[in-house]
Amino acid sequence: KYLPDVCDPLLRNEVLYHIFYLEEDLHHHTLI
């Protein structure tokens, strides 16, 4: 939401995918 549009859009998506993955995986880790 808040980083300016000068940031590389493909790299931004890559970072977001990674955060989504890590968020989900850590959630399962906590459930274990």
Full PDB file with SEQRES, HELIX, SHEET, SSBOND, CRYST1, ORIGX, SCALE, CONECT and MASTER records, all heavy atoms in Angstrom:
SEQRES   1 A   32  LYS TYR LEU PRO ASP VAL CYS ASP PRO LEU LEU ARG ASN          
SEQRES   2 A   32  GLU VAL LEU TYR HIS ILE PHE TYR LEU GLU GLU ASP LEU          
SEQRES   3 A   32  HIS HIS HIS THR LEU ILE                                      
HELIX    1 AA1 PRO A    9  LEU A   31  1                                  23    
CRYST1    1.000    1.000    1.000  90.00  90.00  90.00 P 1           1          
ORIGX1      1.000000  0.000000  0.000000        0.00000                         
ORIGX2      0.000000  1.000000  0.000000        0.00000                         
ORIGX3      0.000000  0.000000  1.000000        0.00000                         
SCALE1      1.000000  0.000000  0.000000        0.00000                         
SCALE2      0.000000  1.000000  0.000000        0.00000                         
SCALE3      0.000000  0.000000  1.000000        0.00000                         
ATOM      1  N   LYS A   1       0.782  -1.235   0.000  1.00  0.00           N  
ATOM      2  CA  LYS A   1       0.000   0.000   0.000  1.00  0.00           C  
ATOM      3  C   LYS A   1       0.815   1.287   0.000  1.00  0.00           C  
ATOM      4  O   LYS A   1       0.363   2.302  -0.535  1.00  0.00           O  
ATOM      5  CB  LYS A   1      -0.926   0.029   1.225  1.00  0.00           C  
ATOM      6  CG  LYS A   1      -1.963  -1.076   1.270  1.00  0.00           C  
ATOM      7  CD  LYS A   1      -2.791  -0.935   2.541  1.00  0.00           C  
ATOM      8  CE  LYS A   1      -3.848  -2.024   2.653  1.00  0.00           C  
ATOM      9  NZ  LYS A   1      -4.656  -1.873   3.902  1.00  0.00           N  
ATOM     10  N   TYR A   2       2.001   1.258   0.619  1.00  0.00           N  
ATOM     11  CA  TYR A   2       2.634   2.532   0.947  1.00  0.00           C  
ATOM     12  C   TYR A   2       3.982   2.786   0.281  1.00  0.00           C  
ATOM     13  O   TYR A   2       4.496   3.904   0.389  1.00  0.00           O  
ATOM     14  CB  TYR A   2       2.769   2.665   2.474  1.00  0.00           C  
ATOM     15  CG  TYR A   2       1.432   2.573   3.164  1.00  0.00           C  
ATOM     16  CD1 TYR A   2       1.135   1.525   4.032  1.00  0.00           C  
ATOM     17  CD2 TYR A   2       0.436   3.527   2.925  1.00  0.00           C  
ATOM     18  CE1 TYR A   2      -0.106   1.434   4.643  1.00  0.00           C  
ATOM     19  CE2 TYR A   2      -0.802   3.439   3.540  1.00  0.00           C  
ATOM     20  CZ  TYR A   2      -1.070   2.393   4.396  1.00  0.00           C  
ATOM     21  OH  TYR A   2      -2.292   2.295   5.000  1.00  0.00           O  
ATOM     22  N   LEU A   3       4.579   1.802  -0.361  1.00  0.00           N  
ATOM     23  CA  LEU A   3       5.817   2.090  -1.080  1.00  0.00           C  
ATOM     24  C   LEU A   3       5.482   2.805  -2.383  1.00  0.00           C  
ATOM     25  O   LEU A   3       4.483   2.491  -3.038  1.00  0.00           O  
ATOM     26  CB  LEU A   3       6.584   0.796  -1.371  1.00  0.00           C  
ATOM     27  CG  LEU A   3       7.207   0.080  -0.167  1.00  0.00           C  
ATOM     28  CD1 LEU A   3       8.054  -1.088  -0.637  1.00  0.00           C  
ATOM     29  CD2 LEU A   3       8.038   1.027   0.683  1.00  0.00           C  
ATOM     30  N   PRO A   4       6.286   3.775  -2.793  1.00  0.00           N  
ATOM     31  CA  PRO A   4       5.981   4.555  -4.003  1.00  0.00           C  
ATOM     32  C   PRO A   4       6.096   3.717  -5.270  1.00  0.00           C  
ATOM     33  O   PRO A   4       6.706   2.640  -5.275  1.00  0.00           O  
ATOM     34  CB  PRO A   4       7.029   5.668  -3.979  1.00  0.00           C  
ATOM     35  CG  PRO A   4       8.164   5.103  -3.175  1.00  0.00           C  
ATOM     36  CD  PRO A   4       7.535   4.227  -2.133  1.00  0.00           C  
ATOM     37  N   ASP A   5       5.509   4.230  -6.362  1.00  0.00           N  
ATOM     38  CA  ASP A   5       5.469   3.461  -7.600  1.00  0.00           C  
ATOM     39  C   ASP A   5       6.809   3.442  -8.339  1.00  0.00           C  
ATOM     40  O   ASP A   5       6.912   2.849  -9.411  1.00  0.00           O  
ATOM     41  CB  ASP A   5       4.358   3.965  -8.526  1.00  0.00           C  
ATOM     42  CG  ASP A   5       4.498   5.435  -8.863  1.00  0.00           C  
ATOM     43  OD1 ASP A   5       5.541   6.023  -8.517  1.00  0.00           O  
ATOM     44  OD2 ASP A   5       3.557   5.998  -9.461  1.00  0.00           O  
ATOM     45  N   VAL A   6       7.838   4.088  -7.776  1.00  0.00           N  
ATOM     46  CA  VAL A   6       9.168   3.966  -8.382  1.00  0.00           C  
ATOM     47  C   VAL A   6       9.764   2.575  -8.126  1.00  0.00           C  
ATOM     48  O   VAL A   6      10.732   2.188  -8.765  1.00  0.00           O  
ATOM     49  CB  VAL A   6      10.137   5.046  -7.846  1.00  0.00           C  
ATOM     50  CG1 VAL A   6       9.693   6.426  -8.295  1.00  0.00           C  
ATOM     51  CG2 VAL A   6      10.261   4.980  -6.325  1.00  0.00           C  
ATOM     52  N   CYS A   7       9.184   1.849  -7.200  1.00  0.00           N  
ATOM     53  CA  CYS A   7       9.659   0.492  -6.914  1.00  0.00           C  
ATOM     54  C   CYS A   7       9.307  -0.435  -8.071  1.00  0.00           C  
ATOM     55  O   CYS A   7       8.221  -0.340  -8.650  1.00  0.00           O  
ATOM     56  CB  CYS A   7       9.038  -0.032  -5.621  1.00  0.00           C  
ATOM     57  SG  CYS A   7       9.526   0.883  -4.139  1.00  0.00           S  
ATOM     58  N   ASP A   8      10.215  -1.341  -8.369  1.00  0.00           N  
ATOM     59  CA  ASP A   8      10.016  -2.313  -9.444  1.00  0.00           C  
ATOM     60  C   ASP A   8       8.762  -3.138  -9.158  1.00  0.00           C  
ATOM     61  O   ASP A   8       8.698  -3.828  -8.132  1.00  0.00           O  
ATOM     62  CB  ASP A   8      11.248  -3.221  -9.525  1.00  0.00           C  
ATOM     63  CG  ASP A   8      11.184  -4.207 -10.683  1.00  0.00           C  
ATOM     64  OD1 ASP A   8      10.115  -4.812 -10.900  1.00  0.00           O  
ATOM     65  OD2 ASP A   8      12.205  -4.374 -11.363  1.00  0.00           O  
ATOM     66  N   PRO A   9       7.748  -3.119 -10.047  1.00  0.00           N  
ATOM     67  CA  PRO A   9       6.494  -3.846  -9.762  1.00  0.00           C  
ATOM     68  C   PRO A   9       6.671  -5.356  -9.692  1.00  0.00           C  
ATOM     69  O   PRO A   9       6.018  -6.024  -8.878  1.00  0.00           O  
ATOM     70  CB  PRO A   9       5.580  -3.437 -10.922  1.00  0.00           C  
ATOM     71  CG  PRO A   9       6.488  -2.961 -11.994  1.00  0.00           C  
ATOM     72  CD  PRO A   9       7.678  -2.368 -11.303  1.00  0.00           C  
ATOM     73  N   LEU A  10       7.550  -5.915 -10.527  1.00  0.00           N  
ATOM     74  CA  LEU A  10       7.768  -7.363 -10.487  1.00  0.00           C  
ATOM     75  C   LEU A  10       8.465  -7.768  -9.187  1.00  0.00           C  
ATOM     76  O   LEU A  10       8.117  -8.786  -8.577  1.00  0.00           O  
ATOM     77  CB  LEU A  10       8.591  -7.807 -11.697  1.00  0.00           C  
ATOM     78  CG  LEU A  10       7.906  -7.675 -13.057  1.00  0.00           C  
ATOM     79  CD1 LEU A  10       8.844  -8.130 -14.182  1.00  0.00           C  
ATOM     80  CD2 LEU A  10       6.610  -8.488 -13.097  1.00  0.00           C  
ATOM     81  N   LEU A  11       9.433  -6.955  -8.773  1.00  0.00           N  
ATOM     82  CA  LEU A  11      10.130  -7.245  -7.526  1.00  0.00           C  
ATOM     83  C   LEU A  11       9.203  -7.060  -6.331  1.00  0.00           C  
ATOM     84  O   LEU A  11       9.253  -7.819  -5.370  1.00  0.00           O  
ATOM     85  CB  LEU A  11      11.352  -6.336  -7.390  1.00  0.00           C  
ATOM     86  CG  LEU A  11      12.275  -6.596  -6.204  1.00  0.00           C  
ATOM     87  CD1 LEU A  11      12.719  -8.057  -6.164  1.00  0.00           C  
ATOM     88  CD2 LEU A  11      13.474  -5.677  -6.255  1.00  0.00           C  
ATOM     89  N   ARG A  12       8.323  -6.074  -6.409  1.00  0.00           N  
ATOM     90  CA  ARG A  12       7.340  -5.873  -5.334  1.00  0.00           C  
ATOM     91  C   ARG A  12       6.446  -7.102  -5.205  1.00  0.00           C  
ATOM     92  O   ARG A  12       6.180  -7.574  -4.093  1.00  0.00           O  
ATOM     93  CB  ARG A  12       6.494  -4.635  -5.604  1.00  0.00           C  
ATOM     94  CG  ARG A  12       5.645  -4.221  -4.381  1.00  0.00           C  
ATOM     95  CD  ARG A  12       4.499  -3.288  -4.755  1.00  0.00           C  
ATOM     96  NE  ARG A  12       4.933  -2.048  -5.327  1.00  0.00           N  
ATOM     97  CZ  ARG A  12       4.789  -0.840  -4.745  1.00  0.00           C  
ATOM     98  NH1 ARG A  12       4.207  -0.736  -3.571  1.00  0.00           N  
ATOM     99  NH2 ARG A  12       5.194   0.257  -5.358  1.00  0.00           N  
ATOM    100  N   ASN A  13       5.969  -7.628  -6.338  1.00  0.00           N  
ATOM    101  CA  ASN A  13       5.148  -8.838  -6.302  1.00  0.00           C  
ATOM    102  C   ASN A  13       5.931 -10.022  -5.736  1.00  0.00           C  
ATOM    103  O   ASN A  13       5.392 -10.835  -4.974  1.00  0.00           O  
ATOM    104  CB  ASN A  13       4.644  -9.186  -7.707  1.00  0.00           C  
ATOM    105  CG  ASN A  13       3.529  -8.271  -8.166  1.00  0.00           C  
ATOM    106  OD1 ASN A  13       2.960  -7.519  -7.371  1.00  0.00           O  
ATOM    107  ND2 ASN A  13       3.204  -8.317  -9.451  1.00  0.00           N  
ATOM    108  N   GLU A  14       7.194 -10.105  -6.112  1.00  0.00           N  
ATOM    109  CA  GLU A  14       8.039 -11.193  -5.615  1.00  0.00           C  
ATOM    110  C   GLU A  14       8.159 -11.122  -4.093  1.00  0.00           C  
ATOM    111  O   GLU A  14       8.057 -12.143  -3.398  1.00  0.00           O  
ATOM    112  CB  GLU A  14       9.419 -11.075  -6.264  1.00  0.00           C  
ATOM    113  CG  GLU A  14      10.293 -12.292  -6.090  1.00  0.00           C  
ATOM    114  CD  GLU A  14      11.600 -12.166  -6.864  1.00  0.00           C  
ATOM    115  OE1 GLU A  14      11.576 -11.592  -7.975  1.00  0.00           O  
ATOM    116  OE2 GLU A  14      12.638 -12.620  -6.343  1.00  0.00           O  
ATOM    117  N   VAL A  15       8.370  -9.910  -3.565  1.00  0.00           N  
ATOM    118  CA  VAL A  15       8.463  -9.733  -2.120  1.00  0.00           C  
ATOM    119  C   VAL A  15       7.133 -10.085  -1.453  1.00  0.00           C  
ATOM    120  O   VAL A  15       7.102 -10.757  -0.412  1.00  0.00           O  
ATOM    121  CB  VAL A  15       8.873  -8.283  -1.783  1.00  0.00           C  
ATOM    122  CG1 VAL A  15       8.708  -8.005  -0.288  1.00  0.00           C  
ATOM    123  CG2 VAL A  15      10.313  -8.029  -2.209  1.00  0.00           C  
ATOM    124  N   LEU A  16       6.033  -9.672  -2.057  1.00  0.00           N  
ATOM    125  CA  LEU A  16       4.717  -9.964  -1.485  1.00  0.00           C  
ATOM    126  C   LEU A  16       4.438 -11.462  -1.466  1.00  0.00           C  
ATOM    127  O   LEU A  16       3.926 -11.998  -0.476  1.00  0.00           O  
ATOM    128  CB  LEU A  16       3.626  -9.227  -2.260  1.00  0.00           C  
ATOM    129  CG  LEU A  16       3.498  -7.734  -1.973  1.00  0.00           C  
ATOM    130  CD1 LEU A  16       2.540  -7.073  -2.949  1.00  0.00           C  
ATOM    131  CD2 LEU A  16       3.029  -7.495  -0.534  1.00  0.00           C  
ATOM    132  N   TYR A  17       4.755 -12.149  -2.563  1.00  0.00           N  
ATOM    133  CA  TYR A  17       4.572 -13.599  -2.589  1.00  0.00           C  
ATOM    134  C   TYR A  17       5.368 -14.250  -1.457  1.00  0.00           C  
ATOM    135  O   TYR A  17       4.878 -15.165  -0.778  1.00  0.00           O  
ATOM    136  CB  TYR A  17       5.031 -14.175  -3.928  1.00  0.00           C  
ATOM    137  CG  TYR A  17       4.012 -14.073  -5.038  1.00  0.00           C  
ATOM    138  CD1 TYR A  17       4.327 -13.440  -6.244  1.00  0.00           C  
ATOM    139  CD2 TYR A  17       2.735 -14.626  -4.901  1.00  0.00           C  
ATOM    140  CE1 TYR A  17       3.398 -13.343  -7.269  1.00  0.00           C  
ATOM    141  CE2 TYR A  17       1.806 -14.543  -5.921  1.00  0.00           C  
ATOM    142  CZ  TYR A  17       2.132 -13.899  -7.104  1.00  0.00           C  
ATOM    143  OH  TYR A  17       1.213 -13.800  -8.117  1.00  0.00           O  
ATOM    144  N   HIS A  18       6.572 -13.766  -1.257  1.00  0.00           N  
ATOM    145  CA  HIS A  18       7.422 -14.343  -0.215  1.00  0.00           C  
ATOM    146  C   HIS A  18       6.821 -14.098   1.174  1.00  0.00           C  
ATOM    147  O   HIS A  18       6.819 -14.991   2.028  1.00  0.00           O  
ATOM    148  CB  HIS A  18       8.819 -13.721  -0.294  1.00  0.00           C  
ATOM    149  CG  HIS A  18       9.858 -14.494   0.451  1.00  0.00           C  
ATOM    150  ND1 HIS A  18      11.089 -14.800  -0.063  1.00  0.00           N  
ATOM    151  CD2 HIS A  18       9.845 -15.051   1.684  1.00  0.00           C  
ATOM    152  CE1 HIS A  18      11.781 -15.499   0.812  1.00  0.00           C  
ATOM    153  NE2 HIS A  18      11.047 -15.662   1.879  1.00  0.00           N  
ATOM    154  N   ILE A  19       6.313 -12.891   1.396  1.00  0.00           N  
ATOM    155  CA  ILE A  19       5.704 -12.588   2.693  1.00  0.00           C  
ATOM    156  C   ILE A  19       4.460 -13.444   2.925  1.00  0.00           C  
ATOM    157  O   ILE A  19       4.261 -13.983   4.022  1.00  0.00           O  
ATOM    158  CB  ILE A  19       5.356 -11.088   2.795  1.00  0.00           C  
ATOM    159  CG1 ILE A  19       6.623 -10.238   2.744  1.00  0.00           C  
ATOM    160  CG2 ILE A  19       4.599 -10.799   4.098  1.00  0.00           C  
ATOM    161  CD1 ILE A  19       6.363  -8.743   2.661  1.00  0.00           C  
ATOM    162  N   PHE A  20       3.614 -13.579   1.900  1.00  0.00           N  
ATOM    163  CA  PHE A  20       2.422 -14.422   2.027  1.00  0.00           C  
ATOM    164  C   PHE A  20       2.814 -15.861   2.368  1.00  0.00           C  
ATOM    165  O   PHE A  20       2.200 -16.495   3.242  1.00  0.00           O  
ATOM    166  CB  PHE A  20       1.612 -14.399   0.729  1.00  0.00           C  
ATOM    167  CG  PHE A  20       0.613 -13.281   0.634  1.00  0.00           C  
ATOM    168  CD1 PHE A  20       0.829 -12.205  -0.225  1.00  0.00           C  
ATOM    169  CD2 PHE A  20      -0.553 -13.307   1.385  1.00  0.00           C  
ATOM    170  CE1 PHE A  20      -0.094 -11.178  -0.324  1.00  0.00           C  
ATOM    171  CE2 PHE A  20      -1.486 -12.283   1.294  1.00  0.00           C  
ATOM    172  CZ  PHE A  20      -1.251 -11.210   0.442  1.00  0.00           C  
ATOM    173  N   TYR A  21       3.835 -16.371   1.668  1.00  0.00           N  
ATOM    174  CA  TYR A  21       4.287 -17.745   1.921  1.00  0.00           C  
ATOM    175  C   TYR A  21       4.791 -17.884   3.351  1.00  0.00           C  
ATOM    176  O   TYR A  21       4.415 -18.821   4.072  1.00  0.00           O  
ATOM    177  CB  TYR A  21       5.393 -18.130   0.938  1.00  0.00           C  
ATOM    178  CG  TYR A  21       6.212 -19.307   1.418  1.00  0.00           C  
ATOM    179  CD1 TYR A  21       5.707 -20.607   1.322  1.00  0.00           C  
ATOM    180  CD2 TYR A  21       7.459 -19.120   2.012  1.00  0.00           C  
ATOM    181  CE1 TYR A  21       6.439 -21.686   1.799  1.00  0.00           C  
ATOM    182  CE2 TYR A  21       8.186 -20.187   2.485  1.00  0.00           C  
ATOM    183  CZ  TYR A  21       7.673 -21.471   2.384  1.00  0.00           C  
ATOM    184  OH  TYR A  21       8.403 -22.530   2.863  1.00  0.00           O  
ATOM    185  N   LEU A  22       5.655 -16.942   3.770  1.00  0.00           N  
ATOM    186  CA  LEU A  22       6.246 -17.027   5.099  1.00  0.00           C  
ATOM    187  C   LEU A  22       5.187 -16.870   6.183  1.00  0.00           C  
ATOM    188  O   LEU A  22       5.219 -17.575   7.202  1.00  0.00           O  
ATOM    189  CB  LEU A  22       7.324 -15.945   5.243  1.00  0.00           C  
ATOM    190  CG  LEU A  22       8.228 -16.011   6.470  1.00  0.00           C  
ATOM    191  CD1 LEU A  22       8.899 -17.370   6.589  1.00  0.00           C  
ATOM    192  CD2 LEU A  22       9.264 -14.898   6.412  1.00  0.00           C  
ATOM    193  N   GLU A  23       4.238 -15.991   5.969  1.00  0.00           N  
ATOM    194  CA  GLU A  23       3.152 -15.777   6.925  1.00  0.00           C  
ATOM    195  C   GLU A  23       2.355 -17.075   7.122  1.00  0.00           C  
ATOM    196  O   GLU A  23       2.059 -17.481   8.255  1.00  0.00           O  
ATOM    197  CB  GLU A  23       2.246 -14.668   6.417  1.00  0.00           C  
ATOM    198  CG  GLU A  23       1.123 -14.277   7.356  1.00  0.00           C  
ATOM    199  CD  GLU A  23       0.274 -13.153   6.787  1.00  0.00           C  
ATOM    200  OE1 GLU A  23       0.055 -13.118   5.548  1.00  0.00           O  
ATOM    201  OE2 GLU A  23      -0.185 -12.309   7.564  1.00  0.00           O  
ATOM    202  N   GLU A  24       2.018 -17.725   6.031  1.00  0.00           N  
ATOM    203  CA  GLU A  24       1.249 -18.970   6.119  1.00  0.00           C  
ATOM    204  C   GLU A  24       2.062 -20.084   6.764  1.00  0.00           C  
ATOM    205  O   GLU A  24       1.553 -20.838   7.611  1.00  0.00           O  
ATOM    206  CB  GLU A  24       0.800 -19.396   4.715  1.00  0.00           C  
ATOM    207  CG  GLU A  24      -0.041 -20.665   4.714  1.00  0.00           C  
ATOM    208  CD  GLU A  24      -0.478 -21.079   3.319  1.00  0.00           C  
ATOM    209  OE1 GLU A  24      -0.049 -20.427   2.333  1.00  0.00           O  
ATOM    210  OE2 GLU A  24      -1.231 -22.055   3.208  1.00  0.00           O  
ATOM    211  N   ASP A  25       3.330 -20.187   6.383  1.00  0.00           N  
ATOM    212  CA  ASP A  25       4.158 -21.261   6.920  1.00  0.00           C  
ATOM    213  C   ASP A  25       4.399 -21.085   8.414  1.00  0.00           C  
ATOM    214  O   ASP A  25       4.346 -22.050   9.184  1.00  0.00           O  
ATOM    215  CB  ASP A  25       5.486 -21.307   6.167  1.00  0.00           C  
ATOM    216  CG  ASP A  25       6.114 -22.688   6.197  1.00  0.00           C  
ATOM    217  OD1 ASP A  25       6.835 -22.998   7.158  1.00  0.00           O  
ATOM    218  OD2 ASP A  25       5.855 -23.466   5.263  1.00  0.00           O  
ATOM    219  N   LEU A  26       4.650 -19.849   8.847  1.00  0.00           N  
ATOM    220  CA  LEU A  26       4.843 -19.591  10.266  1.00  0.00           C  
ATOM    221  C   LEU A  26       3.563 -19.833  11.063  1.00  0.00           C  
ATOM    222  O   LEU A  26       3.612 -20.252  12.226  1.00  0.00           O  
ATOM    223  CB  LEU A  26       5.323 -18.154  10.482  1.00  0.00           C  
ATOM    224  CG  LEU A  26       6.801 -17.892  10.172  1.00  0.00           C  
ATOM    225  CD1 LEU A  26       7.087 -16.392  10.152  1.00  0.00           C  
ATOM    226  CD2 LEU A  26       7.708 -18.582  11.187  1.00  0.00           C  
ATOM    227  N   HIS A  27       2.421 -19.581  10.434  1.00  0.00           N  
ATOM    228  CA  HIS A  27       1.144 -19.867  11.096  1.00  0.00           C  
ATOM    229  C   HIS A  27       1.016 -21.363  11.378  1.00  0.00           C  
ATOM    230  O   HIS A  27       0.636 -21.770  12.488  1.00  0.00           O  
ATOM    231  CB  HIS A  27      -0.017 -19.391  10.222  1.00  0.00           C  
ATOM    232  CG  HIS A  27      -1.367 -19.737  10.759  1.00  0.00           C  
ATOM    233  ND1 HIS A  27      -1.868 -19.198  11.923  1.00  0.00           N  
ATOM    234  CD2 HIS A  27      -2.327 -20.583  10.288  1.00  0.00           C  
ATOM    235  CE1 HIS A  27      -3.070 -19.700  12.161  1.00  0.00           C  
ATOM    236  NE2 HIS A  27      -3.379 -20.527  11.190  1.00  0.00           N  
ATOM    237  N   HIS A  28       1.358 -22.189  10.391  1.00  0.00           N  
ATOM    238  CA  HIS A  28       1.321 -23.642  10.603  1.00  0.00           C  
ATOM    239  C   HIS A  28       2.347 -24.065  11.653  1.00  0.00           C  
ATOM    240  O   HIS A  28       2.090 -24.978  12.455  1.00  0.00           O  
ATOM    241  CB  HIS A  28       1.564 -24.378   9.291  1.00  0.00           C  
ATOM    242  CG  HIS A  28       0.401 -24.333   8.348  1.00  0.00           C  
ATOM    243  ND1 HIS A  28      -0.806 -24.934   8.621  1.00  0.00           N  
ATOM    244  CD2 HIS A  28       0.259 -23.748   7.133  1.00  0.00           C  
ATOM    245  CE1 HIS A  28      -1.646 -24.731   7.616  1.00  0.00           C  
ATOM    246  NE2 HIS A  28      -1.025 -24.012   6.713  1.00  0.00           N  
ATOM    247  N   HIS A  29       3.493 -23.424  11.641  1.00  0.00           N  
ATOM    248  CA  HIS A  29       4.525 -23.712  12.638  1.00  0.00           C  
ATOM    249  C   HIS A  29       3.974 -23.479  14.048  1.00  0.00           C  
ATOM    250  O   HIS A  29       4.174 -24.300  14.952  1.00  0.00           O  
ATOM    251  CB  HIS A  29       5.732 -22.805  12.370  1.00  0.00           C  
ATOM    252  CG  HIS A  29       6.875 -23.032  13.290  1.00  0.00           C  
ATOM    253  ND1 HIS A  29       7.841 -23.996  13.089  1.00  0.00           N  
ATOM    254  CD2 HIS A  29       7.229 -22.404  14.451  1.00  0.00           C  
ATOM    255  CE1 HIS A  29       8.728 -23.955  14.057  1.00  0.00           C  
ATOM    256  NE2 HIS A  29       8.377 -22.992  14.905  1.00  0.00           N  
ATOM    257  N   THR A  30       3.268 -22.368  14.225  1.00  0.00           N  
ATOM    258  CA  THR A  30       2.670 -22.062  15.523  1.00  0.00           C  
ATOM    259  C   THR A  30       1.620 -23.104  15.901  1.00  0.00           C  
ATOM    260  O   THR A  30       1.532 -23.518  17.071  1.00  0.00           O  
ATOM    261  CB  THR A  30       2.032 -20.659  15.494  1.00  0.00           C  
ATOM    262  OG1 THR A  30       3.033 -19.685  15.212  1.00  0.00           O  
ATOM    263  CG2 THR A  30       1.377 -20.327  16.830  1.00  0.00           C  
ATOM    264  N   LEU A  31       0.839 -23.554  14.925  1.00  0.00           N  
ATOM    265  CA  LEU A  31      -0.180 -24.572  15.203  1.00  0.00           C  
ATOM    266  C   LEU A  31       0.457 -25.900  15.605  1.00  0.00           C  
ATOM    267  O   LEU A  31      -0.091 -26.620  16.457  1.00  0.00           O  
ATOM    268  CB  LEU A  31      -1.075 -24.763  13.979  1.00  0.00           C  
ATOM    269  CG  LEU A  31      -2.016 -23.598  13.641  1.00  0.00           C  
ATOM    270  CD1 LEU A  31      -2.772 -23.879  12.343  1.00  0.00           C  
ATOM    271  CD2 LEU A  31      -3.005 -23.345  14.780  1.00  0.00           C  
ATOM    272  N   ILE A  32       1.589 -26.240  15.001  1.00  0.00           N  
ATOM    273  CA  ILE A  32       2.299 -27.459  15.408  1.00  0.00           C  
ATOM    274  C   ILE A  32       2.700 -27.353  16.878  1.00  0.00           C  
ATOM    275  O   ILE A  32       2.572 -28.314  17.647  1.00  0.00           O  
ATOM    276  CB  ILE A  32       3.555 -27.676  14.523  1.00  0.00           C  
ATOM    277  CG1 ILE A  32       3.167 -28.040  13.081  1.00  0.00           C  
ATOM    278  CG2 ILE A  32       4.450 -28.763  15.129  1.00  0.00           C  
ATOM    279  CD1 ILE A  32       2.570 -29.411  12.914  1.00  0.00           C  
TER     280      ILE A  32                                                      
MASTER        0    0    0    1    0    0    0    6  279    1    0    3          
END                                                                             
